[in-house]
C-alpha atoms as a PDB file:
ATOM      1  CA  MET A   1      86.741   3.108  33.744  1.00  0.00           C
ATOM      2  CA  SER A   2      84.725   0.329  35.433  1.00  0.00           C
ATOM      3  CA  LYS A   3      85.030  -0.636  39.072  1.00  0.00           C
ATOM      4  CA  ARG A   4      87.125  -3.604  40.140  1.00  0.00           C
ATOM      5  CA  PRO A   5      85.166  -6.628  41.400  1.00  0.00           C
ATOM      6  CA  THR A   6      85.157  -7.269  45.148  1.00  0.00           C
ATOM      7  CA  PRO A   7      87.676  -9.921  46.170  1.00  0.00           C
ATOM      8  CA  LYS A   8      86.070 -13.225  47.150  1.00  0.00           C
ATOM      9  CA  LYS A   9      87.060 -15.317  50.157  1.00  0.00           C
ATOM     10  CA  ARG A  10      88.905 -18.541  49.426  1.00  0.00           C
ATOM     11  CA  ARG A  11      87.008 -21.675  50.267  1.00  0.00           C
ATOM     12  CA  ALA A  12      88.663 -24.025  52.737  1.00  0.00           C
ATOM     13  CA  LYS A  13      89.429 -27.564  51.523  1.00  0.00           C
ATOM     14  CA  SER A  14      87.702 -29.022  54.558  1.00  0.00           C
ATOM     15  CA  LYS A  15      84.473 -27.193  53.629  1.00  0.00           C
ATOM     16  CA  GLY A  16      83.772 -29.527  50.692  1.00  0.00           C
ATOM     17  CA  ARG A  17      84.487 -32.626  52.765  1.00  0.00           C
ATOM     18  CA  HIS A  18      82.251 -31.356  55.533  1.00  0.00           C
ATOM     19  CA  GLN A  19      79.446 -30.691  53.052  1.00  0.00           C
ATOM     20  CA  ARG A  20      79.787 -34.234  51.705  1.00  0.00           C
ATOM     21  CA  GLY A  21      79.649 -35.686  55.219  1.00  0.00           C
ATOM     22  CA  VAL A  22      76.482 -33.746  56.035  1.00  0.00           C
ATOM     23  CA  TYR A  23      74.870 -34.919  52.775  1.00  0.00           C
ATOM     24  CA  GLU A  24      75.765 -38.573  53.436  1.00  0.00           C
ATOM     25  CA  ALA A  25      74.485 -38.389  57.020  1.00  0.00           C
ATOM     26  CA  LYS A  26      71.147 -37.029  55.737  1.00  0.00           C
ATOM     27  CA  GLN A  27      70.868 -39.784  53.120  1.00  0.00           C
ATOM     28  CA  ILE A  28      71.673 -42.536  55.640  1.00  0.00           C
ATOM     29  CA  LYS A  29      69.097 -41.121  58.050  1.00  0.00           C
ATOM     30  CA  ARG A  30      66.483 -40.875  55.284  1.00  0.00           C
ATOM     31  CA  LEU A  31      67.072 -44.447  54.074  1.00  0.00           C
ATOM     32  CA  ARG A  32      67.089 -45.867  57.613  1.00  0.00           C
ATOM     33  CA  ASN A  33      63.816 -44.093  58.414  1.00  0.00           C
ATOM     34  CA  ARG A  34      62.277 -45.379  55.202  1.00  0.00           C
ATOM     35  CA  GLN A  35      63.479 -48.909  55.967  1.00  0.00           C
ATOM     36  CA  GLN A  36      62.030 -48.867  59.488  1.00  0.00           C
ATOM     37  CA  SER A  37      58.706 -47.412  58.385  1.00  0.00           C
ATOM     38  CA  PRO A  38      55.615 -49.573  59.101  1.00  0.00           C
ATOM     39  CA  TYR A  39      54.645 -49.006  55.455  1.00  0.00           C
ATOM     40  CA  ALA A  40      57.946 -50.338  54.079  1.00  0.00           C
ATOM     41  CA  LEU A  41      57.579 -53.337  51.787  1.00  0.00           C
ATOM     42  CA  PRO A  42      59.184 -56.652  52.742  1.00  0.00           C
ATOM     43  CA  VAL A  43      62.261 -57.410  50.684  1.00  0.00           C
ATOM     44  CA  GLY A  44      61.882 -60.271  48.246  1.00  0.00           C
ATOM     45  CA  PRO A  45      64.435 -63.057  47.763  1.00  0.00           C
ATOM     46  CA  ARG A  46      67.505 -62.288  45.699  1.00  0.00           C
ATOM     47  CA  ASP A  47      67.677 -63.962  42.328  1.00  0.00           C
ATOM     48  CA  ALA A  48      71.366 -64.183  41.399  1.00  0.00           C
ATOM     49  CA  GLU A  49      70.809 -66.384  38.335  1.00  0.00           C
ATOM     50  CA  GLY A  50      68.171 -64.090  36.867  1.00  0.00           C
ATOM     51  CA  LYS A  51      70.361 -61.039  37.377  1.00  0.00           C
ATOM     52  CA  ALA A  52      73.292 -62.793  35.698  1.00  0.00           C
ATOM     53  CA  LEU A  53      71.138 -63.580  32.668  1.00  0.00           C
ATOM     54  CA  GLU A  54      70.000 -59.949  32.443  1.00  0.00           C
ATOM     55  CA  GLY A  55      73.626 -58.868  32.336  1.00  0.00           C
ATOM     56  CA  ILE A  56      74.346 -60.992  29.243  1.00  0.00           C
ATOM     57  CA  THR A  57      73.875 -58.874  26.142  1.00  0.00           C
ATOM     58  CA  ARG A  58      75.621 -61.029  23.552  1.00  0.00           C
ATOM     59  CA  ILE A  59      76.023 -64.787  23.154  1.00  0.00           C
ATOM     60  CA  LYS A  60      79.084 -66.041  21.338  1.00  0.00           C
ATOM     61  CA  ALA A  61      78.571 -69.050  19.040  1.00  0.00           C
END
């Protein structure tokens, strides 16, 4: 007869939320640091019309 597996601890619901919060905080910090870097590129002007045209995949007659 084989041995029974050791019982595992149940994971708290708040653990997953906490993990997500830590991950998001890291990402925000990383992006902010990258944005404020002296080597960061200047952002170009937004082209709303060009983006709208890219989104069109089919033209109805």
